[in-house]
Amino acid sequence: MKKSFKAALMVVLCAGGLTAAFAFTPNSGDNPVKKMVAPKAYIYNLSTATGARDAANWTPVTGTAPSCGIAGSVPCKVVFDSSVYPTLQDYINDQGFSSDAEVAYGPGVVSKQ
């Protein structure tokens, strides 16, 4: 009797555990992770953050962009989805940066020293 009770209890516990494990799917909530459809990358041309909100100070890159080295307070490169933002200036404007210094910490931005 004890063996059948233990076996039945194990079956119920396993079924409950599997139900709990598969009841939730990762990233199915309000903020699912979205893959970039058309990633676009730019590198920053200046050595200070001054001018980072001006798209003229950035150069488009193809393939792998150069390494930025040690992270700091100057933007180095940015990668964004060009299907969402047709131009770099559109991306910069949409982020609502209040200063050039904020660009280094924006989404998709890698900074350098």
Protein backbone atom coordinates (compact mmCIF):
# COMPACT_ATOMS: atom_id res chain seq x y z
CA MET A 1 0.00 0.00 0.00
CA LYS A 2 2.81 2.39 0.90
CA LYS A 3 4.62 1.68 -2.38
CA SER A 4 1.57 2.42 -4.51
CA PHE A 5 0.89 5.63 -2.55
CA LYS A 6 4.50 6.77 -3.01
CA ALA A 7 4.38 5.93 -6.70
CA ALA A 8 1.12 7.83 -7.16
CA LEU A 9 2.51 10.79 -5.23
CA MET A 10 5.64 10.82 -7.41
CA VAL A 11 3.51 10.79 -10.57
CA VAL A 12 1.43 13.71 -9.29
CA LEU A 13 4.55 15.67 -8.27
CA CYS A 14 6.24 15.05 -11.62
CA ALA A 15 3.11 16.05 -13.53
CA GLY A 16 2.80 19.21 -11.43
CA GLY A 17 6.45 20.06 -11.94
CA LEU A 18 6.24 19.60 -15.70
CA THR A 19 3.06 21.66 -15.84
CA ALA A 20 4.74 24.48 -13.91
CA ALA A 21 7.87 24.29 -16.06
CA PHE A 22 6.01 24.53 -19.37
CA ALA A 23 3.33 26.96 -18.22
CA PHE A 24 5.65 29.91 -18.87
CA THR A 25 7.43 30.65 -22.11
CA PRO A 26 10.40 33.01 -22.12
CA ASN A 27 9.82 36.50 -23.54
CA SER A 28 6.15 36.00 -24.25
CA GLY A 29 5.07 38.90 -22.06
CA ASP A 30 4.58 42.52 -22.94
CA ASN A 31 8.22 43.02 -23.96
CA PRO A 32 9.33 40.10 -26.11
CA VAL A 33 12.89 40.23 -27.42
CA LYS A 34 12.78 41.40 -31.00
CA LYS A 35 15.39 40.56 -33.57
CA MET A 36 16.74 43.40 -35.68
CA VAL A 37 15.42 43.07 -39.21
CA ALA A 38 17.95 45.37 -40.86
CA PRO A 39 20.82 46.25 -38.49
CA LYS A 40 22.83 49.34 -39.42
CA ALA A 41 26.09 50.34 -37.75
CA TYR A 42 27.95 53.65 -37.50
CA ILE A 43 31.24 54.61 -35.86
CA TYR A 44 31.79 57.97 -34.19
CA ASN A 45 34.47 60.18 -35.75
CA LEU A 46 35.35 62.49 -32.85
CA SER A 47 37.36 61.96 -29.66
CA THR A 48 34.96 63.88 -27.37
CA ALA A 49 31.23 63.52 -26.83
CA THR A 50 30.62 67.05 -28.13
CA GLY A 51 28.77 66.70 -31.41
CA ALA A 52 27.50 63.16 -30.85
CA ARG A 53 23.88 64.14 -31.64
CA ASP A 54 24.90 65.28 -35.13
CA ALA A 55 24.72 62.45 -37.68
CA ALA A 56 27.43 64.17 -39.75
CA ASN A 57 29.95 63.12 -37.07
CA TRP A 58 29.26 59.42 -37.65
CA THR A 59 30.45 57.14 -40.49
CA PRO A 60 28.48 54.08 -41.66
CA VAL A 61 30.31 50.76 -41.44
CA THR A 62 29.64 47.41 -43.06
CA GLY A 63 30.56 44.04 -41.66
CA THR A 64 32.17 44.05 -38.25
CA ALA A 65 32.91 47.47 -36.82
CA PRO A 66 36.29 48.01 -35.16
CA SER A 67 36.73 47.28 -31.48
CA CYS A 68 36.08 50.23 -29.19
CA GLY A 69 38.51 49.25 -26.43
CA ILE A 70 37.77 50.22 -22.83
CA ALA A 71 34.30 51.62 -22.19
CA GLY A 72 34.15 55.28 -21.28
CA SER A 73 32.08 58.41 -21.75
CA VAL A 74 32.57 58.97 -25.50
CA PRO A 75 30.38 57.16 -28.05
CA CYS A 76 32.27 54.73 -30.27
CA LYS A 77 29.70 52.94 -32.39
CA VAL A 78 25.97 52.45 -32.59
CA VAL A 79 23.88 49.65 -34.05
CA PHE A 80 20.16 50.12 -34.67
CA ASP A 81 17.39 48.63 -36.79
CA SER A 82 17.12 50.57 -40.05
CA SER A 83 13.64 49.15 -40.64
CA VAL A 84 12.56 51.17 -37.58
CA TYR A 85 14.87 54.18 -38.05
CA PRO A 86 15.61 54.92 -41.73
CA THR A 87 18.51 57.26 -40.86
CA LEU A 88 20.94 57.73 -38.00
CA GLN A 89 19.48 61.18 -37.34
CA ASP A 90 16.00 59.62 -36.98
CA TYR A 91 17.44 57.19 -34.42
CA ILE A 92 19.20 59.97 -32.48
CA ASN A 93 16.13 62.22 -32.51
CA ASP A 94 13.82 59.42 -31.33
CA GLN A 95 16.01 58.64 -28.30
CA GLY A 96 15.39 62.13 -26.89
CA PHE A 97 18.99 62.74 -25.81
CA SER A 98 19.12 66.06 -23.94
CA SER A 99 22.90 66.37 -24.34
CA ASP A 100 25.71 65.00 -26.48
CA ALA A 101 27.13 63.22 -23.41
CA GLU A 102 23.95 61.10 -23.07
CA VAL A 103 24.52 59.51 -26.48
CA ALA A 104 27.35 57.33 -25.08
CA TYR A 105 24.83 55.58 -22.82
CA GLY A 106 21.96 55.21 -25.31
CA PRO A 107 20.47 51.90 -26.47
CA GLY A 108 22.66 50.16 -29.03
CA VAL A 109 25.62 52.47 -28.34
CA VAL A 110 29.08 51.18 -27.39
CA SER A 111 31.28 53.76 -25.67
CA LYS A 112 35.04 54.32 -25.52
CA GLN A 113 37.50 56.29 -23.40
